[in-house]
Amino acid sequence: MSERFCSNCKYGDQAISDAPCSDCFETRRHVSWESEFDLTQNQANILRLLADGYANKRIATELKIGLQTVKNNLTILMRMAEAENRTQLAFWAIREGIVCA
């Protein structure tokens, strides 16, 4: 089953599941942004798309935010995770349960 991401509610329902979105009933993978790391919702969504292999420009387009905002948040997240690269950051987010594998 291929994953579809909710385009109607801006990822409003943040429970980790493959259940339909409670806002628009579209099936999608959710992220948990209420974690011990005090992430913003944008940061959690950036991590989700990063873990799915999206490039910075595509992350910005998907989330309707600026490219520099994506880059700034990735820098903050890499420091937080003590990651040296995007791959390490994605693995950290999965390991910590912030995004689903």
N, C-alpha and C. Protein backbone atom coordinates (compact mmCIF):
# COMPACT_ATOMS: atom_id res chain seq x y z
N MET A 1 0.84 -1.17 0.00
CA MET A 1 0.00 0.00 0.00
C MET A 1 0.89 1.24 0.00
N SER A 2 0.70 2.13 -0.93
CA SER A 2 1.52 3.34 -0.98
C SER A 2 0.94 4.38 -0.04
N GLU A 3 1.82 5.18 0.52
CA GLU A 3 1.41 6.21 1.46
C GLU A 3 0.89 7.42 0.71
N ARG A 4 -0.17 8.02 1.20
CA ARG A 4 -0.66 9.30 0.69
C ARG A 4 -0.65 10.27 1.84
N PHE A 5 -0.28 11.49 1.59
CA PHE A 5 -0.24 12.48 2.64
C PHE A 5 -1.42 13.42 2.48
N CYS A 6 -1.97 13.80 3.57
CA CYS A 6 -3.15 14.65 3.59
C CYS A 6 -2.79 16.02 3.04
N SER A 7 -3.49 16.44 2.04
CA SER A 7 -3.22 17.76 1.46
C SER A 7 -4.29 18.77 1.87
N ASN A 8 -5.33 18.30 2.54
CA ASN A 8 -6.45 19.17 2.85
C ASN A 8 -6.37 19.84 4.21
N CYS A 9 -5.74 19.22 5.18
CA CYS A 9 -5.81 19.74 6.54
C CYS A 9 -4.46 20.20 7.08
N LYS A 10 -3.43 20.24 6.25
CA LYS A 10 -2.09 20.68 6.66
C LYS A 10 -1.57 19.86 7.83
N TYR A 11 -1.81 18.56 7.81
CA TYR A 11 -1.28 17.62 8.78
C TYR A 11 -1.76 17.94 10.20
N GLY A 12 -3.02 18.30 10.32
CA GLY A 12 -3.56 18.73 11.60
C GLY A 12 -3.66 17.64 12.64
N ASP A 13 -3.94 16.41 12.26
CA ASP A 13 -4.09 15.32 13.23
C ASP A 13 -2.72 14.69 13.39
N GLN A 14 -2.15 14.73 14.58
CA GLN A 14 -0.76 14.36 14.75
C GLN A 14 -0.53 12.99 15.38
N ALA A 15 -1.52 12.12 15.44
CA ALA A 15 -1.32 10.78 15.99
C ALA A 15 -0.58 9.92 14.99
N ILE A 16 0.32 9.06 15.47
CA ILE A 16 1.03 8.17 14.57
C ILE A 16 0.09 7.03 14.21
N SER A 17 -0.27 6.95 12.94
CA SER A 17 -1.14 5.87 12.50
C SER A 17 -1.28 5.93 11.00
N ASP A 18 -1.88 4.90 10.43
CA ASP A 18 -2.27 4.91 9.03
C ASP A 18 -3.77 5.09 8.91
N ALA A 19 -4.39 5.55 10.00
CA ALA A 19 -5.83 5.76 10.01
C ALA A 19 -6.18 6.99 9.18
N PRO A 20 -7.41 7.07 8.75
CA PRO A 20 -7.82 8.27 8.02
C PRO A 20 -7.66 9.51 8.87
N CYS A 21 -7.33 10.60 8.23
CA CYS A 21 -7.20 11.88 8.90
C CYS A 21 -8.55 12.27 9.47
N SER A 22 -8.57 12.73 10.71
CA SER A 22 -9.84 13.10 11.33
C SER A 22 -10.40 14.40 10.76
N ASP A 23 -9.57 15.18 10.09
CA ASP A 23 -10.04 16.43 9.52
C ASP A 23 -10.66 16.26 8.14
N CYS A 24 -10.09 15.38 7.31
CA CYS A 24 -10.59 15.27 5.94
C CYS A 24 -10.78 13.83 5.50
N PHE A 25 -10.48 12.85 6.37
CA PHE A 25 -10.69 11.43 6.12
C PHE A 25 -9.81 10.85 5.02
N GLU A 26 -8.77 11.54 4.63
CA GLU A 26 -7.82 11.02 3.65
C GLU A 26 -6.78 10.20 4.40
N THR A 27 -6.46 9.02 3.91
CA THR A 27 -5.47 8.17 4.58
C THR A 27 -4.08 8.76 4.36
N ARG A 28 -3.32 8.84 5.44
CA ARG A 28 -1.97 9.37 5.35
C ARG A 28 -1.18 8.91 6.56
N ARG A 29 0.12 9.03 6.48
CA ARG A 29 0.97 8.72 7.62
C ARG A 29 1.14 9.99 8.44
N HIS A 30 1.01 9.86 9.73
CA HIS A 30 1.08 11.00 10.63
C HIS A 30 2.42 11.01 11.36
N VAL A 31 2.72 12.14 11.94
CA VAL A 31 3.94 12.29 12.73
C VAL A 31 3.57 12.70 14.14
N SER A 32 4.47 12.44 15.05
CA SER A 32 4.25 12.86 16.43
C SER A 32 5.16 14.04 16.72
N TRP A 33 4.59 15.22 16.79
CA TRP A 33 5.42 16.40 17.05
C TRP A 33 5.41 16.78 18.51
N GLU A 34 4.54 16.18 19.29
CA GLU A 34 4.56 16.43 20.73
C GLU A 34 5.47 15.40 21.38
N SER A 35 6.76 15.64 21.31
CA SER A 35 7.74 14.70 21.84
C SER A 35 8.57 15.39 22.92
N GLU A 36 9.47 14.64 23.48
CA GLU A 36 10.35 15.19 24.51
C GLU A 36 11.30 16.24 23.97
N PHE A 37 11.38 16.38 22.65
CA PHE A 37 12.34 17.29 22.04
C PHE A 37 11.77 18.68 21.79
N ASP A 38 10.51 18.91 22.14
CA ASP A 38 9.89 20.23 22.01
C ASP A 38 9.99 20.75 20.58
N LEU A 39 9.59 19.91 19.62
CA LEU A 39 9.61 20.29 18.21
C LEU A 39 8.39 21.13 17.87
N THR A 40 8.56 22.00 16.89
CA THR A 40 7.40 22.68 16.34
C THR A 40 6.73 21.71 15.37
N GLN A 41 5.50 21.99 15.02
CA GLN A 41 4.80 21.14 14.05
C GLN A 41 5.54 21.18 12.71
N ASN A 42 6.03 22.35 12.32
CA ASN A 42 6.80 22.45 11.07
C ASN A 42 8.03 21.56 11.11
N GLN A 43 8.76 21.56 12.22
CA GLN A 43 9.96 20.72 12.33
C GLN A 43 9.61 19.24 12.21
N ALA A 44 8.53 18.81 12.85
CA ALA A 44 8.12 17.41 12.75
C ALA A 44 7.74 17.06 11.32
N ASN A 45 7.04 17.95 10.64
CA ASN A 45 6.67 17.68 9.25
C ASN A 45 7.88 17.68 8.32
N ILE A 46 8.85 18.55 8.59
CA ILE A 46 10.09 18.55 7.82
C ILE A 46 10.81 17.21 8.01
N LEU A 47 10.87 16.72 9.24
CA LEU A 47 11.50 15.43 9.50
C LEU A 47 10.79 14.30 8.77
N ARG A 48 9.47 14.34 8.75
CA ARG A 48 8.70 13.30 8.06
C ARG A 48 9.04 13.27 6.57
N LEU A 49 9.06 14.43 5.96
CA LEU A 49 9.35 14.48 4.52
C LEU A 49 10.82 14.15 4.25
N LEU A 50 11.70 14.58 5.14
CA LEU A 50 13.12 14.23 5.02
C LEU A 50 13.30 12.72 5.05
N ALA A 51 12.62 12.06 6.00
CA ALA A 51 12.71 10.61 6.12
C ALA A 51 12.15 9.90 4.90
N ASP A 52 11.26 10.56 4.18
CA ASP A 52 10.72 9.99 2.94
C ASP A 52 11.59 10.31 1.73
N GLY A 53 12.71 11.00 1.95
CA GLY A 53 13.66 11.24 0.87
C GLY A 53 13.43 12.52 0.08
N TYR A 54 12.62 13.42 0.57
CA TYR A 54 12.35 14.66 -0.15
C TYR A 54 13.55 15.60 -0.06
N ALA A 55 13.81 16.30 -1.14
CA ALA A 55 14.84 17.35 -1.18
C ALA A 55 14.28 18.61 -0.51
N ASN A 56 15.16 19.50 -0.11
CA ASN A 56 14.74 20.72 0.58
C ASN A 56 13.69 21.51 -0.19
N LYS A 57 13.89 21.66 -1.49
CA LYS A 57 12.97 22.45 -2.30
C LYS A 57 11.58 21.81 -2.31
N ARG A 58 11.54 20.49 -2.40
CA ARG A 58 10.24 19.81 -2.42
C ARG A 58 9.57 19.87 -1.04
N ILE A 59 10.37 19.81 0.04
CA ILE A 59 9.82 19.96 1.39
C ILE A 59 9.16 21.33 1.50
N ALA A 60 9.86 22.36 1.04
CA ALA A 60 9.32 23.72 1.09
C ALA A 60 8.01 23.82 0.31
N THR A 61 7.98 23.22 -0.86
CA THR A 61 6.77 23.25 -1.68
C THR A 61 5.62 22.51 -1.01
N GLU A 62 5.89 21.33 -0.49
CA GLU A 62 4.85 20.52 0.16
C GLU A 62 4.26 21.22 1.38
N LEU A 63 5.11 21.86 2.17
CA LEU A 63 4.66 22.49 3.40
C LEU A 63 4.27 23.95 3.22
N LYS A 64 4.46 24.45 1.99
CA LYS A 64 4.14 25.85 1.67
C LYS A 64 4.88 26.83 2.59
N ILE A 65 6.19 26.56 2.74
CA ILE A 65 7.08 27.44 3.50
C ILE A 65 8.29 27.75 2.63
N GLY A 66 9.06 28.70 3.03
CA GLY A 66 10.22 29.10 2.25
C GLY A 66 11.36 28.09 2.33
N LEU A 67 12.17 28.06 1.29
CA LEU A 67 13.33 27.16 1.25
C LEU A 67 14.29 27.47 2.39
N GLN A 68 14.51 28.73 2.68
CA GLN A 68 15.42 29.10 3.77
C GLN A 68 14.87 28.65 5.12
N THR A 69 13.56 28.66 5.28
CA THR A 69 12.94 28.16 6.51
C THR A 69 13.24 26.68 6.69
N VAL A 70 13.15 25.92 5.60
CA VAL A 70 13.49 24.49 5.66
C VAL A 70 14.94 24.32 6.07
N LYS A 71 15.84 25.05 5.43
CA LYS A 71 17.27 24.94 5.73
C LYS A 71 17.57 25.32 7.18
N ASN A 72 16.95 26.40 7.65
CA ASN A 72 17.17 26.83 9.04
C ASN A 72 16.69 25.77 10.02
N ASN A 73 15.51 25.21 9.77
CA ASN A 73 14.99 24.17 10.65
C ASN A 73 15.83 22.91 10.60
N LEU A 74 16.33 22.54 9.45
CA LEU A 74 17.21 21.36 9.35
C LEU A 74 18.50 21.58 10.15
N THR A 75 19.03 22.78 10.11
CA THR A 75 20.23 23.08 10.89
C THR A 75 19.94 22.93 12.38
N ILE A 76 18.82 23.47 12.82
CA ILE A 76 18.42 23.35 14.23
C ILE A 76 18.24 21.88 14.60
N LEU A 77 17.55 21.14 13.75
CA LEU A 77 17.28 19.72 14.01
C LEU A 77 18.56 18.89 14.04
N MET A 78 19.50 19.20 13.14
CA MET A 78 20.76 18.45 13.11
C MET A 78 21.57 18.70 14.38
N ARG A 79 21.54 19.92 14.88
CA ARG A 79 22.21 20.20 16.16
C ARG A 79 21.54 19.45 17.30
N MET A 80 20.21 19.47 17.29
CA MET A 80 19.44 18.80 18.34
C MET A 80 19.73 17.30 18.36
N ALA A 81 19.82 16.71 17.18
CA ALA A 81 20.04 15.26 17.06
C ALA A 81 21.51 14.89 17.06
N GLU A 82 22.38 15.89 17.07
CA GLU A 82 23.81 15.67 16.95
C GLU A 82 24.13 14.84 15.71
N ALA A 83 23.43 15.18 14.62
CA ALA A 83 23.59 14.47 13.35
C ALA A 83 24.57 15.23 12.46
N GLU A 84 25.34 14.47 11.71
CA GLU A 84 26.31 15.08 10.80
C GLU A 84 25.76 15.25 9.39
N ASN A 85 24.66 14.56 9.08
CA ASN A 85 24.09 14.66 7.74
C ASN A 85 22.60 14.33 7.78
N ARG A 86 21.96 14.48 6.63
CA ARG A 86 20.51 14.27 6.53
C ARG A 86 20.11 12.83 6.83
N THR A 87 20.93 11.89 6.43
CA THR A 87 20.63 10.48 6.68
C THR A 87 20.61 10.19 8.17
N GLN A 88 21.61 10.66 8.88
CA GLN A 88 21.65 10.47 10.33
C GLN A 88 20.45 11.14 11.00
N LEU A 89 20.07 12.30 10.50
CA LEU A 89 18.92 13.01 11.06
C LEU A 89 17.64 12.19 10.85
N ALA A 90 17.47 11.63 9.67
CA ALA A 90 16.28 10.82 9.38
C ALA A 90 16.24 9.59 10.28
N PHE A 91 17.37 8.91 10.44
CA PHE A 91 17.42 7.74 11.32
C PHE A 91 17.12 8.12 12.77
N TRP A 92 17.62 9.26 13.21
CA TRP A 92 17.34 9.73 14.56
C TRP A 92 15.84 9.93 14.76
N ALA A 93 15.19 10.58 13.79
CA ALA A 93 13.76 10.86 13.90
C ALA A 93 12.95 9.56 13.97
N ILE A 94 13.36 8.56 13.22
CA ILE A 94 12.68 7.26 13.25
C ILE A 94 12.94 6.56 14.58
N ARG A 95 14.20 6.53 15.00
CA ARG A 95 14.57 5.87 16.25
C ARG A 95 13.86 6.48 17.46
N GLU A 96 13.70 7.81 17.46
CA GLU A 96 13.06 8.48 18.58
C GLU A 96 11.54 8.46 18.49
N GLY A 97 11.01 7.88 17.43
CA GLY A 97 9.56 7.77 17.29
C GLY A 97 8.88 9.03 16.84
N ILE A 98 9.64 9.96 16.31
CA ILE A 98 9.06 11.22 15.82
C ILE A 98 8.35 10.98 14.49
N VAL A 99 8.92 10.10 13.66
CA VAL A 99 8.27 9.69 12.40
C VAL A 99 8.24 8.18 12.35
N CYS A 100 7.31 7.65 11.59
CA CYS A 100 7.19 6.20 11.39
C CYS A 100 8.12 5.77 10.27
N ALA A 101 8.66 4.57 10.41
CA ALA A 101 9.53 4.03 9.36
C ALA A 101 8.70 3.57 8.18
